[in-house]
């Protein structure tokens, strides 16, 4: 005995598959209303095509690092020391290129905002290079 659907609904499923086949294969958005589609990236959004943004990378502007950190850290993550923040980043599946520099910050420091953490990462990277 088959459970879950009867012959009528299975027949209707096949009809719908046949009706939607060309639309789904076309590669165009299936929504009829424009507002249903996804929003394109803004002109001032950082480029993420080159991989994750990390302090010390070629695209590591302070704004890009702050945006990347804020993707993984919430306001509830603060105040915290670098060890706790690195652990939070790893728990949120942040890239190692972002979590490792946070873990290398001085253990005695405490950060209360993403901006403070970003400033510390940028200055640590500047000191390491210079």
C-alpha atoms as a PDB file:
ATOM      1  CA  UNK A   1       0.000   0.000   0.000  1.00  0.00           C
ATOM      2  CA  UNK A   2       1.387   3.387  -1.011  1.00  0.00           C
ATOM      3  CA  UNK A   3       1.123   6.135   1.565  1.00  0.00           C
ATOM      4  CA  UNK A   4       1.209   9.891   1.253  1.00  0.00           C
ATOM      5  CA  UNK A   5      -0.643  10.638  -1.971  1.00  0.00           C
ATOM      6  CA  UNK A   6      -3.437   9.214  -4.035  1.00  0.00           C
ATOM      7  CA  UNK A   7      -3.651   8.787  -7.805  1.00  0.00           C
ATOM      8  CA  UNK A   8      -5.247  12.177  -8.324  1.00  0.00           C
ATOM      9  CA  UNK A   9      -2.507  14.187  -6.597  1.00  0.00           C
ATOM     10  CA  UNK A  10       0.248  12.191  -8.313  1.00  0.00           C
ATOM     11  CA  UNK A  11      -1.442  12.923 -11.629  1.00  0.00           C
ATOM     12  CA  UNK A  12      -1.659  16.627 -10.750  1.00  0.00           C
ATOM     13  CA  UNK A  13       2.022  16.623  -9.764  1.00  0.00           C
ATOM     14  CA  UNK A  14       2.932  15.302 -13.201  1.00  0.00           C
ATOM     15  CA  UNK A  15       0.798  17.978 -14.865  1.00  0.00           C
ATOM     16  CA  UNK A  16       2.525  20.719 -12.876  1.00  0.00           C
ATOM     17  CA  UNK A  17       5.964  19.326 -13.720  1.00  0.00           C
ATOM     18  CA  UNK A  18       5.051  19.387 -17.389  1.00  0.00           C
ATOM     19  CA  UNK A  19       3.680  22.950 -17.172  1.00  0.00           C
ATOM     20  CA  UNK A  20       6.718  24.332 -15.313  1.00  0.00           C
ATOM     21  CA  UNK A  21       9.429  22.379 -17.172  1.00  0.00           C
ATOM     22  CA  UNK A  22      10.201  25.092 -19.743  1.00  0.00           C
ATOM     23  CA  UNK A  23      10.111  27.878 -17.159  1.00  0.00           C
ATOM     24  CA  UNK A  24      12.513  26.075 -14.843  1.00  0.00           C
ATOM     25  CA  UNK A  25      14.927  25.221 -17.679  1.00  0.00           C
ATOM     26  CA  UNK A  26      14.922  28.760 -19.092  1.00  0.00           C
ATOM     27  CA  UNK A  27      17.355  30.119 -16.492  1.00  0.00           C
ATOM     28  CA  UNK A  28      15.196  33.202 -15.940  1.00  0.00           C
ATOM     29  CA  UNK A  29      13.702  34.043 -12.567  1.00  0.00           C
ATOM     30  CA  UNK A  30      10.494  32.112 -12.009  1.00  0.00           C
ATOM     31  CA  UNK A  31       8.814  34.959 -10.108  1.00  0.00           C
ATOM     32  CA  UNK A  32       6.350  37.075 -12.036  1.00  0.00           C
ATOM     33  CA  UNK A  33       6.692  40.049  -9.709  1.00  0.00           C
ATOM     34  CA  UNK A  34       9.971  41.952  -9.854  1.00  0.00           C
ATOM     35  CA  UNK A  35      10.082  42.512  -6.106  1.00  0.00           C
ATOM     36  CA  UNK A  36      10.274  38.735  -5.552  1.00  0.00           C
ATOM     37  CA  UNK A  37      13.746  38.575  -7.106  1.00  0.00           C
ATOM     38  CA  UNK A  38      16.973  38.898  -5.172  1.00  0.00           C
ATOM     39  CA  UNK A  39      18.523  42.304  -4.774  1.00  0.00           C
ATOM     40  CA  UNK A  40      21.750  42.913  -6.705  1.00  0.00           C
ATOM     41  CA  UNK A  41      24.927  43.861  -4.874  1.00  0.00           C
ATOM     42  CA  UNK A  42      25.435  47.555  -4.201  1.00  0.00           C
ATOM     43  CA  UNK A  43      28.261  49.431  -5.883  1.00  0.00           C
ATOM     44  CA  UNK A  44      30.011  50.085  -2.580  1.00  0.00           C
ATOM     45  CA  UNK A  45      29.860  46.465  -1.349  1.00  0.00           C
ATOM     46  CA  UNK A  46      33.305  44.890  -1.029  1.00  0.00           C
ATOM     47  CA  UNK A  47      34.328  42.353  -3.614  1.00  0.00           C
ATOM     48  CA  UNK A  48      33.990  38.846  -2.227  1.00  0.00           C
ATOM     49  CA  UNK A  49      34.749  36.926  -5.407  1.00  0.00           C
ATOM     50  CA  UNK A  50      38.426  36.599  -4.493  1.00  0.00           C
ATOM     51  CA  UNK A  51      37.681  34.600  -1.351  1.00  0.00           C
ATOM     52  CA  UNK A  52      37.205  35.623   2.233  1.00  0.00           C
ATOM     53  CA  UNK A  53      38.362  39.041   3.304  1.00  0.00           C
ATOM     54  CA  UNK A  54      40.991  38.825   6.008  1.00  0.00           C
ATOM     55  CA  UNK A  55      43.249  41.315   7.743  1.00  0.00           C
ATOM     56  CA  UNK A  56      46.476  41.579   5.797  1.00  0.00           C
ATOM     57  CA  UNK A  57      44.918  40.491   2.513  1.00  0.00           C
ATOM     58  CA  UNK A  58      45.005  42.505  -0.678  1.00  0.00           C
ATOM     59  CA  UNK A  59      41.394  43.663  -0.241  1.00  0.00           C
ATOM     60  CA  UNK A  60      41.606  44.223   3.523  1.00  0.00           C
ATOM     61  CA  UNK A  61      40.308  47.755   3.843  1.00  0.00           C
ATOM     62  CA  UNK A  62      39.016  48.571   7.329  1.00  0.00           C
ATOM     63  CA  UNK A  63      35.452  48.704   5.995  1.00  0.00           C
ATOM     64  CA  UNK A  64      35.740  45.289   4.346  1.00  0.00           C
ATOM     65  CA  UNK A  65      37.242  43.689   7.470  1.00  0.00           C
ATOM     66  CA  UNK A  66      34.535  45.236   9.669  1.00  0.00           C
ATOM     67  CA  UNK A  67      31.808  43.983   7.316  1.00  0.00           C
ATOM     68  CA  UNK A  68      33.277  40.485   7.257  1.00  0.00           C
ATOM     69  CA  UNK A  69      33.575  40.396  11.057  1.00  0.00           C
ATOM     70  CA  UNK A  70      30.008  41.603  11.483  1.00  0.00           C
ATOM     71  CA  UNK A  71      28.783  38.736   9.325  1.00  0.00           C
ATOM     72  CA  UNK A  72      29.925  36.285  12.019  1.00  0.00           C
ATOM     73  CA  UNK A  73      29.819  38.292  15.268  1.00  0.00           C
ATOM     74  CA  UNK A  74      26.676  39.685  16.830  1.00  0.00           C
ATOM     75  CA  UNK A  75      26.438  42.419  19.429  1.00  0.00           C
ATOM     76  CA  UNK A  76      25.961  39.655  21.991  1.00  0.00           C
ATOM     77  CA  UNK A  77      29.527  38.499  21.301  1.00  0.00           C
ATOM     78  CA  UNK A  78      30.865  41.614  23.027  1.00  0.00           C
ATOM     79  CA  UNK A  79      32.584  42.525  25.306  1.00  0.00           C
ATOM     80  CA  UNK A  80      35.056  39.684  24.973  1.00  0.00           C
ATOM     81  CA  UNK A  81      38.724  38.842  24.781  1.00  0.00           C
ATOM     82  CA  UNK A  82      40.381  37.647  21.551  1.00  0.00           C
ATOM     83  CA  UNK A  83      40.216  33.978  22.572  1.00  0.00           C
ATOM     84  CA  UNK A  84      36.436  34.115  23.076  1.00  0.00           C
ATOM     85  CA  UNK A  85      35.932  36.074  19.857  1.00  0.00           C
ATOM     86  CA  UNK A  86      38.053  33.615  17.859  1.00  0.00           C
ATOM     87  CA  UNK A  87      36.033  30.766  19.338  1.00  0.00           C
ATOM     88  CA  UNK A  88      32.795  32.523  18.384  1.00  0.00           C
ATOM     89  CA  UNK A  89      34.108  33.048  14.840  1.00  0.00           C
ATOM     90  CA  UNK A  90      35.031  29.375  14.511  1.00  0.00           C
ATOM     91  CA  UNK A  91      31.648  28.292  15.895  1.00  0.00           C
ATOM     92  CA  UNK A  92      30.004  30.493  13.244  1.00  0.00           C
ATOM     93  CA  UNK A  93      32.116  28.776  10.535  1.00  0.00           C
ATOM     94  CA  UNK A  94      34.117  31.902   9.731  1.00  0.00           C
ATOM     95  CA  UNK A  95      37.132  31.341   7.486  1.00  0.00           C
ATOM     96  CA  UNK A  96      40.417  30.584   9.254  1.00  0.00           C
ATOM     97  CA  UNK A  97      41.938  33.602   7.514  1.00  0.00           C
ATOM     98  CA  UNK A  98      39.615  35.729   9.645  1.00  0.00           C
ATOM     99  CA  UNK A  99      39.621  33.771  12.930  1.00  0.00           C
ATOM    100  CA  UNK A 100      43.393  33.205  13.163  1.00  0.00           C
ATOM    101  CA  UNK A 101      44.402  36.907  13.265  1.00  0.00           C
ATOM    102  CA  UNK A 102      41.805  37.481  15.988  1.00  0.00           C
ATOM    103  CA  UNK A 103      43.276  34.618  18.035  1.00  0.00           C
ATOM    104  CA  UNK A 104      46.771  36.168  17.695  1.00  0.00           C
ATOM    105  CA  UNK A 105      45.727  39.456  19.322  1.00  0.00           C
ATOM    106  CA  UNK A 106      47.016  40.079  22.884  1.00  0.00           C
ATOM    107  CA  UNK A 107      45.141  37.902  25.398  1.00  0.00           C
ATOM    108  CA  UNK A 108      44.764  40.722  27.918  1.00  0.00           C
ATOM    109  CA  UNK A 109      42.809  42.939  25.518  1.00  0.00           C
ATOM    110  CA  UNK A 110      39.021  43.254  25.636  1.00  0.00           C
ATOM    111  CA  UNK A 111      36.908  44.523  22.784  1.00  0.00           C
ATOM    112  CA  UNK A 112      33.424  45.964  23.155  1.00  0.00           C
ATOM    113  CA  UNK A 113      32.513  46.538  19.494  1.00  0.00           C
ATOM    114  CA  UNK A 114      33.304  45.231  16.027  1.00  0.00           C
ATOM    115  CA  UNK A 115      34.929  48.590  15.266  1.00  0.00           C
ATOM    116  CA  UNK A 116      37.405  48.229  18.148  1.00  0.00           C
ATOM    117  CA  UNK A 117      38.248  44.717  16.997  1.00  0.00           C
ATOM    118  CA  UNK A 118      38.704  45.906  13.418  1.00  0.00           C
ATOM    119  CA  UNK A 119      41.008  48.722  14.520  1.00  0.00           C
ATOM    120  CA  UNK A 120      43.087  46.284  16.583  1.00  0.00           C
ATOM    121  CA  UNK A 121      43.370  43.847  13.665  1.00  0.00           C
ATOM    122  CA  UNK A 122      44.401  46.568  11.221  1.00  0.00           C
ATOM    123  CA  UNK A 123      46.988  48.033  13.619  1.00  0.00           C
ATOM    124  CA  UNK A 124      48.375  44.553  14.434  1.00  0.00           C
ATOM    125  CA  UNK A 125      48.733  43.866  10.726  1.00  0.00           C
ATOM    126  CA  UNK A 126      50.439  47.221  10.180  1.00  0.00           C
ATOM    127  CA  UNK A 127      52.903  46.497  13.020  1.00  0.00           C
ATOM    128  CA  UNK A 128      53.601  43.018  11.679  1.00  0.00           C
ATOM    129  CA  UNK A 129      54.399  44.388   8.209  1.00  0.00           C
ATOM    130  CA  UNK A 130      56.307  47.455   9.322  1.00  0.00           C
END
